[in-house]
């Protein structure tokens, strides 16, 4: 699924592909906003993305990708 994170005072967004479910991402965002110092997510390649909670502007969680069938998946 694609996750877009907006950061205050930065023109570019952080966009990452993650294997986490939307519920897992929503729980991580809720925990960060409830008092954790940072939002921590893992992308599909295993890299960790850490954003300080104080600088979060928004988090957009896309729909979970369904596997492609046919020539489009190559």
C-alpha atoms as a PDB file:
ATOM      1  CA  UNK A   1       0.000   0.000   0.000  1.00  0.00           C
ATOM      2  CA  UNK A   2       1.132   3.539  -0.634  1.00  0.00           C
ATOM      3  CA  UNK A   3       1.567   5.898   2.308  1.00  0.00           C
ATOM      4  CA  UNK A   4       2.063   9.645   1.896  1.00  0.00           C
ATOM      5  CA  UNK A   5       3.355  11.710   4.814  1.00  0.00           C
ATOM      6  CA  UNK A   6       3.243  15.494   4.845  1.00  0.00           C
ATOM      7  CA  UNK A   7       5.843  17.288   6.956  1.00  0.00           C
ATOM      8  CA  UNK A   8       5.420  20.857   8.195  1.00  0.00           C
ATOM      9  CA  UNK A   9       7.580  23.514   6.525  1.00  0.00           C
ATOM     10  CA  UNK A  10       8.784  21.060   3.841  1.00  0.00           C
ATOM     11  CA  UNK A  11       7.551  21.345   0.264  1.00  0.00           C
ATOM     12  CA  UNK A  12       7.992  17.668  -0.625  1.00  0.00           C
ATOM     13  CA  UNK A  13       5.978  14.759   0.723  1.00  0.00           C
ATOM     14  CA  UNK A  14       7.398  11.450   1.917  1.00  0.00           C
ATOM     15  CA  UNK A  15       5.914   8.640  -0.186  1.00  0.00           C
ATOM     16  CA  UNK A  16       6.591   4.997   0.572  1.00  0.00           C
ATOM     17  CA  UNK A  17       5.257   1.569  -0.323  1.00  0.00           C
ATOM     18  CA  UNK A  18       4.604  -0.619   2.693  1.00  0.00           C
ATOM     19  CA  UNK A  19       3.555  -4.201   3.314  1.00  0.00           C
ATOM     20  CA  UNK A  20       1.809  -3.124   6.531  1.00  0.00           C
ATOM     21  CA  UNK A  21      -1.988  -3.162   6.588  1.00  0.00           C
ATOM     22  CA  UNK A  22      -3.985   0.047   6.821  1.00  0.00           C
ATOM     23  CA  UNK A  23      -4.979  -0.892  10.378  1.00  0.00           C
ATOM     24  CA  UNK A  24      -1.315  -1.240  11.393  1.00  0.00           C
ATOM     25  CA  UNK A  25      -0.448   2.127   9.849  1.00  0.00           C
ATOM     26  CA  UNK A  26      -3.456   3.802  11.474  1.00  0.00           C
ATOM     27  CA  UNK A  27      -2.467   2.342  14.852  1.00  0.00           C
ATOM     28  CA  UNK A  28       1.104   3.624  14.449  1.00  0.00           C
ATOM     29  CA  UNK A  29      -0.162   7.123  13.547  1.00  0.00           C
ATOM     30  CA  UNK A  30      -2.611   7.126  16.476  1.00  0.00           C
ATOM     31  CA  UNK A  31       0.147   6.030  18.875  1.00  0.00           C
ATOM     32  CA  UNK A  32       2.444   8.772  17.586  1.00  0.00           C
ATOM     33  CA  UNK A  33      -0.231  11.434  18.011  1.00  0.00           C
ATOM     34  CA  UNK A  34      -1.088  10.118  21.491  1.00  0.00           C
ATOM     35  CA  UNK A  35       2.353  10.950  22.833  1.00  0.00           C
ATOM     36  CA  UNK A  36       5.122   8.975  21.127  1.00  0.00           C
ATOM     37  CA  UNK A  37       7.972  11.233  19.990  1.00  0.00           C
ATOM     38  CA  UNK A  38       8.064   9.827  16.440  1.00  0.00           C
ATOM     39  CA  UNK A  39       6.033   8.029  13.792  1.00  0.00           C
ATOM     40  CA  UNK A  40       7.909   4.904  12.733  1.00  0.00           C
ATOM     41  CA  UNK A  41       6.931   2.884   9.647  1.00  0.00           C
ATOM     42  CA  UNK A  42       8.647   0.155   7.617  1.00  0.00           C
ATOM     43  CA  UNK A  43       8.609   0.199   3.811  1.00  0.00           C
ATOM     44  CA  UNK A  44       8.332  -2.834   1.531  1.00  0.00           C
ATOM     45  CA  UNK A  45      12.145  -3.128   1.262  1.00  0.00           C
ATOM     46  CA  UNK A  46      12.584  -3.313   5.030  1.00  0.00           C
ATOM     47  CA  UNK A  47      13.809   0.257   5.527  1.00  0.00           C
ATOM     48  CA  UNK A  48      12.501   2.188   8.530  1.00  0.00           C
ATOM     49  CA  UNK A  49      11.077   5.671   8.077  1.00  0.00           C
ATOM     50  CA  UNK A  50      11.015   7.786  11.240  1.00  0.00           C
ATOM     51  CA  UNK A  51       9.298  11.184  11.318  1.00  0.00           C
ATOM     52  CA  UNK A  52       9.172  13.344  14.471  1.00  0.00           C
ATOM     53  CA  UNK A  53       5.570  13.666  15.660  1.00  0.00           C
ATOM     54  CA  UNK A  54       5.916  17.414  16.193  1.00  0.00           C
ATOM     55  CA  UNK A  55       6.480  17.958  12.446  1.00  0.00           C
ATOM     56  CA  UNK A  56       3.645  15.777  11.089  1.00  0.00           C
ATOM     57  CA  UNK A  57       1.202  17.679   8.903  1.00  0.00           C
ATOM     58  CA  UNK A  58      -0.833  14.726   7.570  1.00  0.00           C
ATOM     59  CA  UNK A  59      -0.654  11.010   6.767  1.00  0.00           C
ATOM     60  CA  UNK A  60      -2.517   9.643   3.759  1.00  0.00           C
ATOM     61  CA  UNK A  61      -3.035   5.872   3.691  1.00  0.00           C
ATOM     62  CA  UNK A  62      -3.828   4.400   0.276  1.00  0.00           C
ATOM     63  CA  UNK A  63      -5.827   1.281  -0.429  1.00  0.00           C
ATOM     64  CA  UNK A  64      -4.159  -2.083  -0.161  1.00  0.00           C
ATOM     65  CA  UNK A  65      -2.831  -3.159  -3.555  1.00  0.00           C
ATOM     66  CA  UNK A  66      -4.295  -6.268  -5.077  1.00  0.00           C
ATOM     67  CA  UNK A  67      -1.897  -8.555  -6.978  1.00  0.00           C
ATOM     68  CA  UNK A  68      -1.892  -7.937 -10.712  1.00  0.00           C
ATOM     69  CA  UNK A  69      -2.632 -10.651 -13.222  1.00  0.00           C
ATOM     70  CA  UNK A  70      -1.368 -10.806 -16.781  1.00  0.00           C
ATOM     71  CA  UNK A  71       1.247  -8.852 -18.663  1.00  0.00           C
ATOM     72  CA  UNK A  72       0.761  -5.726 -16.515  1.00  0.00           C
ATOM     73  CA  UNK A  73       2.541  -7.401 -13.589  1.00  0.00           C
ATOM     74  CA  UNK A  74       5.872  -7.675 -15.410  1.00  0.00           C
END
